[in-house]
Amino acid sequence: MAKTSQLPQKSRLLSLGCLALVSALALTGCGGSKVGSDTAAANTSSCVKTDGDTIKIGFLNSRSGTMAISENTVYAALAMAKDEINAAGGVNGKQLEVVAEDGASEPTIFAEKAQKLISSDCVAAVFGGWTSASRKAMLPVFEGANSLLYYPVQYEGLEASKNIFYTGATTNQQIIPALDYLKEKGVKSLFLVGSDYVFPRTANKEIKAYADANGIEIKGEEYTPLGSTDFATIVNKVKGAKADAVFNTLNGDSNVAFFKEYTNAGLKAATMPVVSVSIAEEEVQGIGAANLKDQLTAWNYYQTLDTPVNKKFVSDFKAKYGADRVTSDPMEAAYTSLYLWKATAEKAKSFAVPDIQAAAGGVSFEAPEGTVTINGDNHHIAKTALIGQIQPDGLIKTIWSSDQAIEPDPFLKTYPWAAGLGG
């Protein structure tokens, strides 16, 4: 990770805001820690009430702002899981009572709302977040209070905390398989385009290390503020670079403007494909399938997965929210996260955080993406990597799959080229 002095302005502001929050909470750091480290020293008391018929949990998602295009569907999936669990008898005999908050696409608001959910609403666990900036802002809050966050979105890795369960992919389960796929297809050069915050910056640092070790030339690297809609200059640079492919780490509704400009510039998947790691079925609807036809994505779940569990999941989601709604990787990971928490609490026969942490290793759930199991050492889960191609109907078809589920390696310890990247 770059030093604060090397970060873009938005990241510097986030770091300063995080430090201020840490000071207010009497914490010692703002970064992630390895699972098992003793970072929750400031406030380990809990106000969670377990003597009634209900147990409170928190949903914390961007219902407004630039990330709402992605996070509203995560909220919907969490709500569906909650309703299903309550209908089946709840967790440890208690019905789930949800306190929902809007992170409003702002990391500082995520941190404030997380603190409220933990200390004022007394929730047993919080489910949500999307951007790495929001997660990094919340991390010291959860570690300081020794509370739990279930984070559902793929991210850049180089982090593990005993207070976070990561149910989306880490780097070796999404980005590296995507790079392996491109290399297998003969790609010799890449252009990197991303939003200007921690995930794209760190992911691209990892991509450049991979490229250097595998004979792939990086022909350009451009960033734009989260929520930006002006891509004329960047697309012109992409077009002029004539790379074999583009690796896209833009987030939120910036993707709408980028792909419309990409199409207007005459760029096509057949000649310069874009591999995206933050565009799923929900975003395809917002961008328009015509602007994305045949472009590539890297995820661990698609709506088109042909399994009985997924078919029921898709059918239930459409029945609840409308036939035109689609499912996607982050919302499936969010849905799965609530069931993993349920299974862990029932294994522990407790809602207490230390009991959940102690019981988590080996807990499994038959998810729409396949069987998932919590790694007790790093709080991530094994995932099958999928490369997909966007179809004219807006759905994504799997065109490549890893042979089996990939064990999480958030610190890239098994990749010699990644030495020195961090962690």
Protein backbone atom coordinates (compact mmCIF):
# COMPACT_ATOMS: atom_id res chain seq x y z
CA MET A 1 0.00 0.00 0.00
CA ALA A 2 1.30 3.45 -0.82
CA LYS A 3 2.30 5.79 1.97
CA THR A 4 -0.20 8.50 2.82
CA SER A 5 1.91 11.17 1.13
CA GLN A 6 1.69 9.25 -2.13
CA LEU A 7 -2.06 8.72 -2.08
CA PRO A 8 -4.50 10.82 -4.14
CA GLN A 9 -6.28 13.67 -2.39
CA LYS A 10 -9.45 11.71 -1.72
CA SER A 11 -7.50 8.86 -0.13
CA ARG A 12 -5.47 11.33 1.97
CA LEU A 13 -8.67 12.86 3.25
CA LEU A 14 -10.00 9.41 4.05
CA SER A 15 -6.82 8.56 5.94
CA LEU A 16 -7.05 11.77 7.95
CA GLY A 17 -10.72 11.14 8.66
CA CYS A 18 -9.92 7.62 9.76
CA LEU A 19 -7.17 8.86 12.07
CA ALA A 20 -9.57 11.34 13.60
CA LEU A 21 -12.11 8.60 14.15
CA VAL A 22 -9.48 6.36 15.68
CA SER A 23 -8.46 9.15 18.05
CA ALA A 24 -12.06 9.64 19.06
CA LEU A 25 -12.40 5.94 19.81
CA ALA A 26 -9.01 5.74 21.55
CA LEU A 27 -7.75 3.23 19.05
CA THR A 28 -4.22 2.65 17.86
CA GLY A 29 -4.51 2.15 14.09
CA CYS A 30 -6.64 2.47 11.00
CA GLY A 31 -5.43 -0.41 8.87
CA GLY A 32 -6.49 -4.05 8.74
CA SER A 33 -4.91 -6.63 10.98
CA LYS A 34 -4.29 -10.31 10.66
CA VAL A 35 -6.96 -12.52 12.20
CA GLY A 36 -6.21 -13.29 15.81
CA SER A 37 -4.27 -10.10 16.59
CA ASP A 38 -5.30 -8.23 19.71
CA THR A 39 -6.63 -4.99 18.26
CA ALA A 40 -9.97 -4.75 20.03
CA ALA A 41 -8.71 -3.13 23.18
CA ALA A 42 -10.69 0.08 23.35
CA ASN A 43 -14.19 -1.18 24.05
CA THR A 44 -14.95 -4.87 24.33
CA SER A 45 -18.20 -4.49 26.27
CA SER A 46 -21.41 -5.23 24.39
CA CYS A 47 -24.91 -3.83 24.72
CA VAL A 48 -26.48 -6.58 22.58
CA LYS A 49 -29.68 -7.78 24.24
CA THR A 50 -30.36 -11.52 24.03
CA ASP A 51 -33.07 -11.93 26.67
CA GLY A 52 -36.06 -11.33 24.38
CA ASP A 53 -37.68 -13.00 21.40
CA THR A 54 -35.68 -10.98 18.88
CA ILE A 55 -32.05 -10.21 18.11
CA LYS A 56 -31.00 -7.03 16.33
CA ILE A 57 -28.74 -6.99 13.27
CA GLY A 58 -27.65 -4.03 11.13
CA PHE A 59 -27.79 -3.52 7.37
CA LEU A 60 -25.43 -0.77 6.21
CA ASN A 61 -25.57 -0.06 2.47
CA SER A 62 -25.44 2.94 0.14
CA ARG A 63 -29.11 3.53 -0.60
CA SER A 64 -28.16 6.90 -2.15
CA GLY A 65 -25.18 8.41 -3.98
CA THR A 66 -22.92 7.07 -6.70
CA MET A 67 -22.79 3.53 -5.25
CA ALA A 68 -26.56 3.10 -4.96
CA ILE A 69 -26.62 1.52 -8.45
CA SER A 70 -24.76 -1.41 -6.90
CA GLU A 71 -25.66 -1.46 -3.23
CA ASN A 72 -29.45 -1.32 -3.37
CA THR A 73 -29.53 -4.86 -4.74
CA VAL A 74 -27.26 -5.99 -1.87
CA TYR A 75 -29.78 -4.54 0.57
CA ALA A 76 -32.58 -6.39 -1.22
CA ALA A 77 -30.72 -9.70 -0.99
CA LEU A 78 -30.04 -9.21 2.72
CA ALA A 79 -33.71 -8.43 3.30
CA MET A 80 -34.73 -11.61 1.46
CA ALA A 81 -32.34 -13.72 3.52
CA LYS A 82 -33.68 -12.15 6.72
CA ASP A 83 -37.27 -12.92 5.74
CA GLU A 84 -36.38 -16.52 4.86
CA ILE A 85 -34.52 -17.05 8.12
CA ASN A 86 -37.35 -15.60 10.18
CA ALA A 87 -39.91 -17.75 8.36
CA ALA A 88 -37.82 -20.82 9.19
CA GLY A 89 -37.69 -20.03 12.90
CA GLY A 90 -34.97 -17.39 13.20
CA VAL A 91 -31.52 -17.83 14.72
CA ASN A 92 -31.11 -19.66 18.02
CA GLY A 93 -34.88 -19.39 18.38
CA LYS A 94 -34.95 -15.61 17.99
CA GLN A 95 -36.45 -13.57 15.17
CA LEU A 96 -34.15 -11.15 13.38
CA GLU A 97 -34.92 -7.45 13.84
CA VAL A 98 -33.15 -5.29 11.27
CA VAL A 99 -31.87 -1.75 11.81
CA ALA A 100 -31.04 -0.37 8.35
CA GLU A 101 -28.77 2.61 7.67
CA ASP A 102 -27.71 4.44 4.50
CA GLY A 103 -23.94 4.79 4.02
CA ALA A 104 -24.72 7.36 1.29
CA SER A 105 -21.60 6.38 -0.73
CA GLU A 106 -19.35 8.24 1.75
CA PRO A 107 -16.73 6.38 3.84
CA THR A 108 -17.03 8.75 6.80
CA ILE A 109 -20.79 8.20 6.90
CA PHE A 110 -20.23 4.43 6.86
CA ALA A 111 -17.99 4.80 9.91
CA GLU A 112 -20.51 7.01 11.72
CA LYS A 113 -23.42 4.68 10.97
CA ALA A 114 -21.40 1.63 11.98
CA GLN A 115 -20.68 3.25 15.35
CA LYS A 116 -24.37 4.04 15.78
CA LEU A 117 -25.44 0.49 14.93
CA ILE A 118 -22.97 -0.98 17.41
CA SER A 119 -23.24 1.40 20.36
CA SER A 120 -26.75 2.85 20.09
CA ASP A 121 -28.78 0.18 18.31
CA CYS A 122 -26.87 -2.68 19.95
CA VAL A 123 -26.85 -4.97 16.92
CA ALA A 124 -25.22 -8.42 17.10
CA ALA A 125 -23.58 -8.02 13.67
CA VAL A 126 -23.55 -5.63 10.73
CA PHE A 127 -23.89 -6.66 7.08
CA GLY A 128 -22.81 -4.37 4.26
CA GLY A 129 -20.28 -1.98 2.80
CA TRP A 130 -19.07 -2.06 -0.81
CA THR A 131 -16.08 0.10 -1.59
CA SER A 132 -12.77 -0.64 0.10
CA ALA A 133 -12.77 2.97 1.26
CA SER A 134 -15.99 2.29 3.19
CA ARG A 135 -14.56 -0.93 4.63
CA LYS A 136 -11.29 0.72 5.65
CA ALA A 137 -13.25 3.51 7.35
CA MET A 138 -15.38 1.01 9.27
CA LEU A 139 -12.60 -1.41 10.22
CA PRO A 140 -11.29 0.51 13.28
CA VAL A 141 -14.85 0.96 14.51
CA PHE A 142 -15.50 -2.79 14.51
CA GLU A 143 -12.09 -3.65 15.93
CA GLY A 144 -12.38 -0.99 18.62
CA ALA A 145 -15.81 -2.20 19.73
CA ASN A 146 -14.98 -5.88 19.11
CA SER A 147 -18.06 -6.18 16.93
CA LEU A 148 -18.63 -8.00 13.63
CA LEU A 149 -18.91 -6.82 10.02
CA TYR A 150 -19.88 -9.21 7.21
CA TYR A 151 -18.49 -7.64 4.04
CA PRO A 152 -19.94 -9.03 0.79
CA VAL A 153 -17.85 -7.59 -2.05
CA GLN A 154 -14.68 -8.63 -3.90
CA TYR A 155 -11.74 -6.50 -2.87
CA GLU A 156 -8.00 -5.96 -3.27
CA GLY A 157 -6.82 -8.30 -0.50
CA LEU A 158 -3.83 -7.57 1.75
CA GLU A 159 -6.15 -7.52 4.76
CA ALA A 160 -7.65 -9.84 7.35
CA SER A 161 -9.35 -8.87 10.60
CA LYS A 162 -10.88 -11.03 13.29
CA ASN A 163 -13.79 -8.56 13.29
CA ILE A 164 -14.60 -8.86 9.57
CA PHE A 165 -15.88 -11.84 7.59
CA TYR A 166 -15.14 -11.38 3.88
CA THR A 167 -17.72 -13.26 1.79
CA GLY A 168 -16.70 -11.71 -1.54
CA ALA A 169 -13.54 -12.71 -3.39
CA THR A 170 -10.03 -11.72 -2.49
CA THR A 171 -7.37 -11.08 -5.15
CA ASN A 172 -6.35 -14.68 -5.85
CA GLN A 173 -9.99 -15.65 -6.41
CA GLN A 174 -10.88 -12.97 -8.96
CA ILE A 175 -8.17 -10.64 -10.26
CA ILE A 176 -5.39 -13.20 -10.65
CA PRO A 177 -7.65 -15.76 -12.40
CA ALA A 178 -8.75 -12.96 -14.77
CA LEU A 179 -5.11 -12.18 -15.55
CA ASP A 180 -4.36 -15.88 -16.03
CA TYR A 181 -7.26 -16.07 -18.48
CA LEU A 182 -6.04 -13.07 -20.47
CA LYS A 183 -2.51 -14.48 -20.59
CA GLU A 184 -3.89 -17.82 -21.77
CA LYS A 185 -5.68 -15.96 -24.57
CA GLY A 186 -2.45 -14.33 -25.72
CA VAL A 187 -2.88 -10.86 -24.24
CA LYS A 188 0.52 -9.11 -24.18
CA SER A 189 -0.49 -5.59 -23.13
CA LEU A 190 -3.04 -3.95 -20.84
CA PHE A 191 -4.45 -0.49 -20.16
CA LEU A 192 -5.63 0.07 -16.56
CA VAL A 193 -8.66 2.26 -15.79
CA GLY A 194 -9.98 2.74 -12.27
CA SER A 195 -11.75 4.94 -9.77
CA ASP A 196 -9.39 6.96 -7.60
CA TYR A 197 -9.46 5.21 -4.24
CA VAL A 198 -7.87 2.31 -2.40
CA PHE A 199 -9.30 -0.72 -4.26
CA PRO A 200 -8.30 0.27 -7.82
CA ARG A 201 -4.95 1.71 -6.71
CA THR A 202 -4.01 -1.45 -4.77
CA ALA A 203 -5.49 -3.84 -7.32
CA ASN A 204 -3.51 -2.16 -10.09
CA LYS A 205 -0.33 -2.38 -8.02
CA GLU A 206 -0.93 -6.13 -7.89
CA ILE A 207 -1.79 -6.29 -11.60
CA LYS A 208 1.45 -4.48 -12.48
CA ALA A 209 3.47 -6.92 -10.37
CA TYR A 210 1.77 -9.84 -12.13
CA ALA A 211 2.34 -8.23 -15.53
CA ASP A 212 6.02 -7.66 -14.84
CA ALA A 213 6.45 -11.32 -13.90
CA ASN A 214 4.50 -12.60 -16.90
CA GLY A 215 5.76 -10.50 -19.78
CA ILE A 216 2.68 -8.27 -20.09
CA GLU A 217 3.19 -4.57 -20.93
CA ILE A 218 1.14 -1.93 -19.10
CA LYS A 219 0.45 0.72 -21.77
CA GLY A 220 -1.38 3.16 -19.55
CA GLU A 221 -2.90 3.69 -16.09
CA GLU A 222 -5.65 6.25 -15.53
CA TYR A 223 -7.81 7.12 -12.53
CA THR A 224 -10.87 9.29 -12.12
CA PRO A 225 -12.77 10.39 -8.97
CA LEU A 226 -15.45 8.02 -7.74
CA GLY A 227 -18.68 9.12 -9.38
CA SER A 228 -16.98 10.87 -12.31
CA THR A 229 -18.93 10.98 -15.58
CA ASP A 230 -16.37 12.60 -17.92
CA PHE A 231 -14.39 9.93 -19.76
CA ALA A 232 -13.62 11.55 -23.12
CA THR A 233 -9.93 12.13 -22.32
CA ILE A 234 -9.39 8.71 -20.73
CA VAL A 235 -11.09 6.85 -23.58
CA ASN A 236 -9.00 8.76 -26.11
CA LYS A 237 -5.88 7.65 -24.24
CA VAL A 238 -7.13 4.07 -24.17
CA LYS A 239 -7.85 4.16 -27.89
CA GLY A 240 -4.45 5.64 -28.71
CA ALA A 241 -2.54 3.14 -26.58
CA LYS A 242 -3.79 0.21 -28.66
CA ALA A 243 -3.44 -2.28 -25.83
CA ASP A 244 -4.65 -5.84 -26.29
CA ALA A 245 -7.19 -5.41 -23.47
CA VAL A 246 -8.39 -3.02 -20.76
CA PHE A 247 -8.58 -3.99 -17.08
CA ASN A 248 -11.40 -2.00 -15.49
CA THR A 249 -11.61 -1.25 -11.76
CA LEU A 250 -14.12 1.59 -11.99
CA ASN A 251 -16.89 1.42 -9.41
CA GLY A 252 -20.46 2.61 -9.25
CA ASP A 253 -22.23 4.69 -11.90
CA SER A 254 -18.95 5.89 -13.44
CA ASN A 255 -19.15 2.68 -15.46
CA VAL A 256 -22.23 4.00 -17.24
CA ALA A 257 -20.37 7.00 -18.63
CA PHE A 258 -17.17 5.03 -19.36
CA PHE A 259 -18.80 2.35 -21.48
CA LYS A 260 -21.03 4.78 -23.35
CA GLU A 261 -17.93 6.80 -24.25
CA TYR A 262 -16.08 3.58 -25.11
CA THR A 263 -18.82 2.59 -27.52
CA ASN A 264 -19.05 6.10 -29.00
CA ALA A 265 -15.30 5.97 -29.70
CA GLY A 266 -15.81 2.88 -31.85
CA LEU A 267 -14.04 0.55 -29.41
CA LYS A 268 -15.43 -2.99 -29.26
CA ALA A 269 -14.91 -6.19 -27.36
CA ALA A 270 -13.75 -7.93 -30.54
CA THR A 271 -10.75 -5.62 -30.92
CA MET A 272 -10.03 -4.33 -27.41
CA PRO A 273 -11.99 -6.24 -24.76
CA VAL A 274 -12.57 -4.80 -21.30
CA VAL A 275 -12.35 -7.07 -18.27
CA SER A 276 -14.37 -5.62 -15.39
CA VAL A 277 -14.33 -6.72 -11.77
CA SER A 278 -17.13 -4.46 -10.46
CA ILE A 279 -19.77 -4.85 -13.17
CA ALA A 280 -22.38 -7.51 -12.52
CA GLU A 281 -25.90 -8.11 -13.84
CA GLU A 282 -27.36 -5.16 -11.91
CA GLU A 283 -24.83 -2.72 -13.37
CA VAL A 284 -25.36 -4.12 -16.89
CA GLN A 285 -28.98 -3.01 -16.64
CA GLY A 286 -27.89 0.51 -15.68
CA ILE A 287 -25.19 0.77 -18.35
CA GLY A 288 -27.20 -0.85 -21.13
CA ALA A 289 -26.43 -4.25 -22.61
CA ALA A 290 -25.85 -2.68 -26.03
CA ASN A 291 -22.82 -0.83 -24.62
CA LEU A 292 -21.44 -4.00 -23.05
CA LYS A 293 -22.10 -6.75 -25.57
CA ASP A 294 -19.37 -9.44 -25.43
CA GLN A 295 -17.31 -7.57 -22.82
CA LEU A 296 -15.79 -9.69 -20.06
CA THR A 297 -16.27 -9.87 -16.31
CA ALA A 298 -14.53 -11.75 -13.52
CA TRP A 299 -16.69 -12.94 -10.62
CA ASN A 300 -17.57 -16.07 -8.62
CA TYR A 301 -21.30 -16.13 -9.30
CA TYR A 302 -23.64 -15.38 -12.21
CA GLN A 303 -27.41 -15.54 -12.43
CA THR A 304 -27.06 -18.09 -15.24
CA LEU A 305 -25.38 -20.75 -13.05
CA ASP A 306 -27.27 -23.96 -13.77
CA THR A 307 -27.73 -25.56 -10.36
CA PRO A 308 -30.90 -26.40 -8.40
CA VAL A 309 -29.88 -24.15 -5.50
CA ASN A 310 -29.26 -21.17 -7.78
CA LYS A 311 -32.43 -21.72 -9.81
CA LYS A 312 -34.48 -21.55 -6.61
CA PHE A 313 -32.55 -18.50 -5.43
CA VAL A 314 -33.18 -16.64 -8.71
CA SER A 315 -36.83 -17.69 -8.76
CA ASP A 316 -37.39 -16.57 -5.16
CA PHE A 317 -35.66 -13.23 -5.76
CA LYS A 318 -37.78 -12.50 -8.83
CA ALA A 319 -40.94 -13.57 -7.04
CA LYS A 320 -40.17 -11.16 -4.20
CA TYR A 321 -38.92 -8.15 -6.17
CA GLY A 322 -40.20 -8.51 -9.73
CA ALA A 323 -39.60 -10.61 -12.82
CA ASP A 324 -37.31 -7.96 -14.34
CA ARG A 325 -34.89 -8.01 -11.40
CA VAL A 326 -31.54 -9.77 -11.72
CA THR A 327 -29.21 -11.46 -9.28
CA SER A 328 -25.46 -10.76 -9.08
CA ASP A 329 -22.26 -11.78 -7.32
CA PRO A 330 -22.18 -9.14 -4.54
CA MET A 331 -25.83 -9.61 -3.66
CA GLU A 332 -25.40 -13.40 -3.64
CA ALA A 333 -22.38 -12.99 -1.35
CA ALA A 334 -24.46 -10.73 0.91
CA TYR A 335 -27.31 -13.25 0.99
CA THR A 336 -24.77 -15.95 1.81
CA SER A 337 -23.18 -13.85 4.56
CA LEU A 338 -26.37 -13.73 6.61
CA TYR A 339 -26.74 -17.51 6.40
CA LEU A 340 -23.08 -18.00 7.38
CA TRP A 341 -23.60 -15.81 10.44
CA LYS A 342 -26.74 -17.82 11.28
CA ALA A 343 -24.89 -21.12 10.95
CA THR A 344 -21.99 -19.85 13.07
CA ALA A 345 -24.26 -18.48 15.81
CA GLU A 346 -26.12 -21.77 15.93
CA LYS A 347 -22.87 -23.76 16.03
CA ALA A 348 -21.70 -21.54 18.89
CA LYS A 349 -25.15 -21.55 20.52
CA SER A 350 -24.42 -17.90 21.18
CA PHE A 351 -24.51 -14.39 19.71
CA ALA A 352 -21.42 -13.24 21.61
CA VAL A 353 -18.61 -12.06 19.34
CA PRO A 354 -15.83 -14.19 20.93
CA ASP A 355 -18.04 -17.27 20.58
CA ILE A 356 -18.79 -16.48 16.93
CA GLN A 357 -15.10 -15.96 16.22
CA ALA A 358 -14.15 -19.23 17.90
CA ALA A 359 -16.83 -21.25 16.10
CA ALA A 360 -16.45 -19.78 12.59
CA GLY A 361 -13.74 -22.02 11.13
CA GLY A 362 -15.22 -24.75 8.96
CA VAL A 363 -18.79 -23.40 8.97
CA SER A 364 -20.40 -24.14 5.58
CA PHE A 365 -23.49 -23.13 3.62
CA GLU A 366 -24.97 -24.49 0.38
CA ALA A 367 -24.98 -21.15 -1.41
CA PRO A 368 -26.24 -20.31 -4.90
CA GLU A 369 -22.58 -20.11 -6.02
CA GLY A 370 -21.87 -23.58 -4.53
CA THR A 371 -20.79 -24.83 -1.13
CA VAL A 372 -18.89 -22.14 0.78
CA THR A 373 -16.82 -22.69 3.92
CA ILE A 374 -15.32 -20.13 6.29
CA ASN A 375 -11.55 -20.22 6.64
CA GLY A 376 -10.96 -19.83 10.36
CA ASP A 377 -7.46 -18.42 9.84
CA ASN A 378 -8.37 -15.41 7.70
CA HIS A 379 -12.21 -15.17 7.74
CA HIS A 380 -12.50 -15.46 3.95
CA ILE A 381 -14.23 -18.28 2.06
CA ALA A 382 -13.15 -20.59 -0.77
CA LYS A 383 -14.59 -19.54 -4.14
CA THR A 384 -14.69 -20.80 -7.72
CA ALA A 385 -13.37 -18.21 -10.18
CA LEU A 386 -15.56 -17.48 -13.23
CA ILE A 387 -14.88 -15.44 -16.35
CA GLY A 388 -18.11 -14.31 -17.97
CA GLN A 389 -19.16 -12.71 -21.24
CA ILE A 390 -21.99 -10.19 -21.27
CA GLN A 391 -24.86 -11.27 -23.51
CA PRO A 392 -27.28 -9.13 -25.55
CA ASP A 393 -30.04 -9.84 -23.00
CA GLY A 394 -27.89 -8.36 -20.22
CA LEU A 395 -27.11 -11.65 -18.51
CA ILE A 396 -23.58 -13.01 -18.15
CA LYS A 397 -22.54 -16.39 -19.52
CA THR A 398 -19.65 -18.33 -17.98
CA ILE A 399 -16.92 -18.90 -20.57
CA TRP A 400 -14.20 -20.09 -18.20
CA SER A 401 -14.16 -21.59 -14.70
CA SER A 402 -11.42 -22.63 -12.31
CA ASP A 403 -11.17 -26.38 -11.87
CA GLN A 404 -12.25 -26.13 -8.25
CA ALA A 405 -12.93 -23.65 -5.49
CA ILE A 406 -9.82 -21.56 -4.78
CA GLU A 407 -8.71 -21.26 -1.17
CA PRO A 408 -8.40 -17.60 -0.07
CA ASP A 409 -4.89 -16.14 0.01
CA PRO A 410 -5.52 -12.48 0.89
CA PHE A 411 -1.84 -11.67 1.42
CA LEU A 412 -0.75 -13.49 -1.78
CA LYS A 413 1.76 -15.55 0.17
CA THR A 414 1.73 -18.31 -2.44
CA TYR A 415 2.74 -15.96 -5.30
CA PRO A 416 6.48 -15.17 -5.44
CA TRP A 417 5.92 -12.15 -7.70
CA ALA A 418 3.74 -10.57 -4.99
CA ALA A 419 6.53 -10.37 -2.40
CA GLY A 420 6.74 -6.86 -1.01
CA LEU A 421 3.24 -5.76 -2.03
CA GLY A 422 2.11 -5.43 1.56
CA GLY A 423 0.59 -7.33 4.41
